[in-house]
Amino acid sequence: MSIDKNTVRKVARLARIRTTDAEEDRLAVQMTDILKLAAELDAVNTDGVEPLTSVIDMMLPEREDKVTDGGMAEKILANAPDHTAGFFVVPKVVE
């Protein structure tokens, strides 16, 4: 697929980028090269290749999932304009 100057203008307008005629010629060539590279990558057989999130096989450090803070509901509710039974009271917004 080849990108022409009209397509470059359209993409530039959508991206809100101002371009000159000289830039449009250069961008058309560059965008065409990018599409050719994508087509080459699309032709690569990836059957059986596991997806990966990193090129380095490593485990992230894990920690125990435990509560380290809390138990101060009374202090938090003391800042509320209104509260009942341990909950914030807010105005009704849905009829």
N, C-alpha and C. Protein backbone atom coordinates (compact mmCIF):
# COMPACT_ATOMS: atom_id res chain seq x y z
N MET A 1 0.85 -1.18 0.00
CA MET A 1 0.00 0.00 0.00
C MET A 1 0.89 1.24 0.00
N SER A 2 0.55 2.19 -0.79
CA SER A 2 1.32 3.42 -0.90
C SER A 2 0.48 4.59 -0.40
N ILE A 3 1.09 5.45 0.39
CA ILE A 3 0.42 6.63 0.93
C ILE A 3 0.69 7.81 0.01
N ASP A 4 -0.37 8.51 -0.36
CA ASP A 4 -0.20 9.70 -1.20
C ASP A 4 -0.32 10.97 -0.35
N LYS A 5 -0.10 12.11 -0.98
CA LYS A 5 -0.11 13.38 -0.26
C LYS A 5 -1.48 13.70 0.31
N ASN A 6 -2.54 13.28 -0.37
CA ASN A 6 -3.90 13.54 0.14
C ASN A 6 -4.13 12.80 1.45
N THR A 7 -3.64 11.58 1.52
CA THR A 7 -3.78 10.81 2.76
C THR A 7 -2.96 11.44 3.87
N VAL A 8 -1.76 11.91 3.54
CA VAL A 8 -0.92 12.58 4.53
C VAL A 8 -1.63 13.83 5.05
N ARG A 9 -2.24 14.59 4.16
CA ARG A 9 -2.98 15.79 4.58
C ARG A 9 -4.13 15.43 5.51
N LYS A 10 -4.84 14.35 5.18
CA LYS A 10 -5.97 13.93 6.00
C LYS A 10 -5.50 13.50 7.38
N VAL A 11 -4.43 12.71 7.45
CA VAL A 11 -3.90 12.27 8.74
C VAL A 11 -3.40 13.47 9.53
N ALA A 12 -2.73 14.40 8.87
CA ALA A 12 -2.23 15.59 9.55
C ALA A 12 -3.38 16.44 10.09
N ARG A 13 -4.45 16.54 9.32
CA ARG A 13 -5.61 17.30 9.78
C ARG A 13 -6.24 16.63 10.99
N LEU A 14 -6.36 15.29 10.95
CA LEU A 14 -6.94 14.57 12.08
C LEU A 14 -6.06 14.68 13.33
N ALA A 15 -4.74 14.71 13.12
CA ALA A 15 -3.80 14.84 14.24
C ALA A 15 -3.58 16.30 14.63
N ARG A 16 -4.21 17.20 13.88
CA ARG A 16 -4.07 18.63 14.10
C ARG A 16 -2.60 19.07 14.03
N ILE A 17 -1.95 18.61 12.95
CA ILE A 17 -0.55 18.95 12.68
C ILE A 17 -0.49 19.75 11.39
N ARG A 18 0.18 20.89 11.42
CA ARG A 18 0.34 21.70 10.23
C ARG A 18 1.54 21.18 9.45
N THR A 19 1.38 20.95 8.16
CA THR A 19 2.48 20.45 7.33
C THR A 19 2.64 21.33 6.10
N THR A 20 3.86 21.31 5.55
CA THR A 20 4.13 22.01 4.30
C THR A 20 4.16 20.98 3.18
N ASP A 21 4.21 21.45 1.93
CA ASP A 21 4.26 20.54 0.79
C ASP A 21 5.50 19.65 0.84
N ALA A 22 6.63 20.23 1.22
CA ALA A 22 7.87 19.44 1.30
C ALA A 22 7.76 18.38 2.38
N GLU A 23 7.16 18.72 3.50
CA GLU A 23 6.98 17.75 4.58
C GLU A 23 6.02 16.64 4.17
N GLU A 24 4.99 17.00 3.41
CA GLU A 24 4.02 16.00 2.98
C GLU A 24 4.66 14.96 2.08
N ASP A 25 5.57 15.37 1.21
CA ASP A 25 6.28 14.41 0.36
C ASP A 25 7.11 13.45 1.22
N ARG A 26 7.84 14.02 2.17
CA ARG A 26 8.69 13.20 3.04
C ARG A 26 7.83 12.28 3.92
N LEU A 27 6.74 12.81 4.47
CA LEU A 27 5.87 12.00 5.32
C LEU A 27 5.19 10.87 4.55
N ALA A 28 4.85 11.13 3.29
CA ALA A 28 4.23 10.09 2.47
C ALA A 28 5.19 8.91 2.31
N VAL A 29 6.46 9.20 2.07
CA VAL A 29 7.46 8.13 1.94
C VAL A 29 7.63 7.40 3.26
N GLN A 30 7.73 8.14 4.35
CA GLN A 30 7.92 7.51 5.66
C GLN A 30 6.72 6.66 6.07
N MET A 31 5.52 7.16 5.82
CA MET A 31 4.32 6.39 6.19
C MET A 31 4.20 5.14 5.33
N THR A 32 4.57 5.23 4.07
CA THR A 32 4.57 4.05 3.20
C THR A 32 5.57 3.01 3.71
N ASP A 33 6.75 3.47 4.14
CA ASP A 33 7.75 2.55 4.70
C ASP A 33 7.24 1.86 5.96
N ILE A 34 6.53 2.60 6.80
CA ILE A 34 5.97 2.03 8.02
C ILE A 34 4.95 0.94 7.68
N LEU A 35 4.10 1.21 6.70
CA LEU A 35 3.10 0.21 6.31
C LEU A 35 3.76 -1.03 5.70
N LYS A 36 4.85 -0.83 4.95
CA LYS A 36 5.58 -1.98 4.40
C LYS A 36 6.17 -2.83 5.52
N LEU A 37 6.73 -2.18 6.53
CA LEU A 37 7.28 -2.91 7.67
C LEU A 37 6.18 -3.68 8.39
N ALA A 38 5.02 -3.06 8.58
CA ALA A 38 3.90 -3.75 9.23
C ALA A 38 3.46 -4.96 8.41
N ALA A 39 3.47 -4.83 7.09
CA ALA A 39 3.11 -5.96 6.23
C ALA A 39 4.13 -7.09 6.36
N GLU A 40 5.41 -6.74 6.47
CA GLU A 40 6.44 -7.76 6.67
C GLU A 40 6.23 -8.48 7.99
N LEU A 41 5.93 -7.74 9.04
CA LEU A 41 5.70 -8.35 10.34
C LEU A 41 4.45 -9.22 10.33
N ASP A 42 3.44 -8.80 9.57
CA ASP A 42 2.21 -9.57 9.47
C ASP A 42 2.45 -10.91 8.78
N ALA A 43 3.46 -10.97 7.92
CA ALA A 43 3.76 -12.20 7.18
C ALA A 43 4.51 -13.23 8.02
N VAL A 44 5.03 -12.81 9.17
CA VAL A 44 5.80 -13.72 10.02
C VAL A 44 4.85 -14.72 10.68
N ASN A 45 5.23 -16.01 10.64
CA ASN A 45 4.42 -17.05 11.25
C ASN A 45 4.66 -17.05 12.76
N THR A 46 3.63 -16.76 13.52
CA THR A 46 3.76 -16.71 14.99
C THR A 46 2.96 -17.83 15.66
N ASP A 47 2.58 -18.85 14.92
CA ASP A 47 1.86 -19.98 15.51
C ASP A 47 2.74 -20.64 16.57
N GLY A 48 2.19 -20.88 17.72
CA GLY A 48 2.92 -21.55 18.79
C GLY A 48 3.84 -20.65 19.58
N VAL A 49 3.88 -19.37 19.27
CA VAL A 49 4.74 -18.45 20.02
C VAL A 49 3.92 -17.87 21.17
N GLU A 50 4.43 -18.07 22.37
CA GLU A 50 3.74 -17.57 23.56
C GLU A 50 3.87 -16.05 23.64
N PRO A 51 2.78 -15.36 23.96
CA PRO A 51 2.89 -13.91 24.16
C PRO A 51 3.71 -13.62 25.41
N LEU A 52 4.43 -12.50 25.39
CA LEU A 52 5.22 -12.16 26.56
C LEU A 52 5.09 -10.69 26.88
N THR A 53 5.29 -10.40 28.15
CA THR A 53 5.20 -9.02 28.60
C THR A 53 6.56 -8.38 28.74
N SER A 54 7.61 -9.20 28.71
CA SER A 54 8.97 -8.69 28.83
C SER A 54 9.90 -9.67 28.13
N VAL A 55 11.00 -9.18 27.63
CA VAL A 55 11.98 -10.06 27.00
C VAL A 55 12.83 -10.77 28.04
N ILE A 56 12.74 -10.33 29.29
CA ILE A 56 13.49 -10.94 30.38
C ILE A 56 12.52 -11.80 31.20
N ASP A 57 12.84 -13.08 31.36
CA ASP A 57 11.99 -13.98 32.12
C ASP A 57 12.28 -13.80 33.60
N MET A 58 11.40 -13.06 34.30
CA MET A 58 11.61 -12.81 35.72
C MET A 58 10.28 -12.69 36.43
N MET A 59 10.29 -13.00 37.70
CA MET A 59 9.10 -12.86 38.53
C MET A 59 9.18 -11.55 39.29
N LEU A 60 8.05 -10.89 39.43
CA LEU A 60 8.00 -9.68 40.23
C LEU A 60 7.94 -10.07 41.70
N PRO A 61 8.53 -9.27 42.56
CA PRO A 61 8.47 -9.60 43.98
C PRO A 61 7.03 -9.52 44.48
N GLU A 62 6.67 -10.46 45.32
CA GLU A 62 5.31 -10.49 45.86
C GLU A 62 5.37 -10.28 47.36
N ARG A 63 4.31 -9.75 47.91
CA ARG A 63 4.22 -9.59 49.35
C ARG A 63 2.89 -10.18 49.82
N GLU A 64 2.82 -10.47 51.08
CA GLU A 64 1.61 -11.01 51.65
C GLU A 64 0.51 -9.95 51.60
N ASP A 65 -0.68 -10.35 51.25
CA ASP A 65 -1.80 -9.43 51.15
C ASP A 65 -2.49 -9.35 52.51
N LYS A 66 -2.08 -8.37 53.31
CA LYS A 66 -2.67 -8.21 54.63
C LYS A 66 -2.92 -6.74 54.90
N VAL A 67 -3.88 -6.46 55.76
CA VAL A 67 -4.24 -5.10 56.12
C VAL A 67 -3.17 -4.56 57.05
N THR A 68 -2.59 -3.43 56.69
CA THR A 68 -1.55 -2.83 57.54
C THR A 68 -2.01 -1.51 58.14
N ASP A 69 -3.19 -1.05 57.75
CA ASP A 69 -3.72 0.19 58.26
C ASP A 69 -5.22 0.04 58.39
N GLY A 70 -5.83 0.86 59.14
CA GLY A 70 -7.27 0.78 59.30
C GLY A 70 -7.66 0.84 60.76
N GLY A 71 -8.87 0.43 61.01
CA GLY A 71 -9.35 0.45 62.38
C GLY A 71 -9.56 1.84 62.93
N MET A 72 -9.77 2.80 62.07
CA MET A 72 -10.01 4.16 62.55
C MET A 72 -11.25 4.76 61.91
N ALA A 73 -12.29 3.94 61.80
CA ALA A 73 -13.54 4.40 61.19
C ALA A 73 -14.11 5.59 61.97
N GLU A 74 -13.99 5.55 63.30
CA GLU A 74 -14.54 6.65 64.09
C GLU A 74 -13.85 7.97 63.76
N LYS A 75 -12.53 7.94 63.58
CA LYS A 75 -11.80 9.17 63.25
C LYS A 75 -12.21 9.70 61.88
N ILE A 76 -12.40 8.77 60.92
CA ILE A 76 -12.78 9.19 59.57
C ILE A 76 -14.19 9.75 59.58
N LEU A 77 -15.12 9.08 60.26
CA LEU A 77 -16.50 9.55 60.30
C LEU A 77 -16.64 10.85 61.07
N ALA A 78 -15.69 11.15 61.95
CA ALA A 78 -15.74 12.41 62.69
C ALA A 78 -15.61 13.60 61.76
N ASN A 79 -15.00 13.41 60.59
CA ASN A 79 -14.85 14.50 59.62
C ASN A 79 -16.07 14.67 58.73
N ALA A 80 -16.98 13.72 58.76
CA ALA A 80 -18.15 13.76 57.87
C ALA A 80 -19.20 14.69 58.43
N PRO A 81 -19.91 15.43 57.55
CA PRO A 81 -20.98 16.30 58.04
C PRO A 81 -22.12 15.49 58.67
N ASP A 82 -22.35 14.27 58.14
CA ASP A 82 -23.43 13.44 58.69
C ASP A 82 -23.07 11.97 58.49
N HIS A 83 -23.34 11.16 59.49
CA HIS A 83 -23.07 9.73 59.39
C HIS A 83 -24.05 8.97 60.28
N THR A 84 -24.33 7.73 59.89
CA THR A 84 -25.24 6.87 60.64
C THR A 84 -24.75 5.44 60.56
N ALA A 85 -24.70 4.76 61.68
CA ALA A 85 -24.35 3.34 61.77
C ALA A 85 -23.04 3.02 61.07
N GLY A 86 -22.07 3.93 61.17
CA GLY A 86 -20.76 3.67 60.59
C GLY A 86 -20.64 3.97 59.11
N PHE A 87 -21.63 4.66 58.52
CA PHE A 87 -21.61 4.99 57.09
C PHE A 87 -21.79 6.49 56.91
N PHE A 88 -21.26 7.01 55.79
CA PHE A 88 -21.50 8.40 55.42
C PHE A 88 -22.94 8.55 54.96
N VAL A 89 -23.57 9.65 55.32
CA VAL A 89 -24.90 9.97 54.83
C VAL A 89 -24.75 11.07 53.80
N VAL A 90 -25.27 10.82 52.59
CA VAL A 90 -25.16 11.79 51.51
C VAL A 90 -26.54 12.10 50.97
N PRO A 91 -26.70 13.26 50.32
CA PRO A 91 -28.01 13.58 49.75
C PRO A 91 -28.40 12.61 48.63
N LYS A 92 -29.68 12.36 48.52
CA LYS A 92 -30.18 11.49 47.46
C LYS A 92 -30.03 12.21 46.12
N VAL A 93 -29.46 11.51 45.12
CA VAL A 93 -29.27 12.14 43.82
C VAL A 93 -30.07 11.46 42.72
N VAL A 94 -30.68 10.33 43.01
CA VAL A 94 -31.49 9.61 42.01
C VAL A 94 -32.91 9.55 42.52
N GLU A 95 -33.83 9.96 41.68
CA GLU A 95 -35.25 9.91 42.07
C GLU A 95 -35.85 8.58 41.72
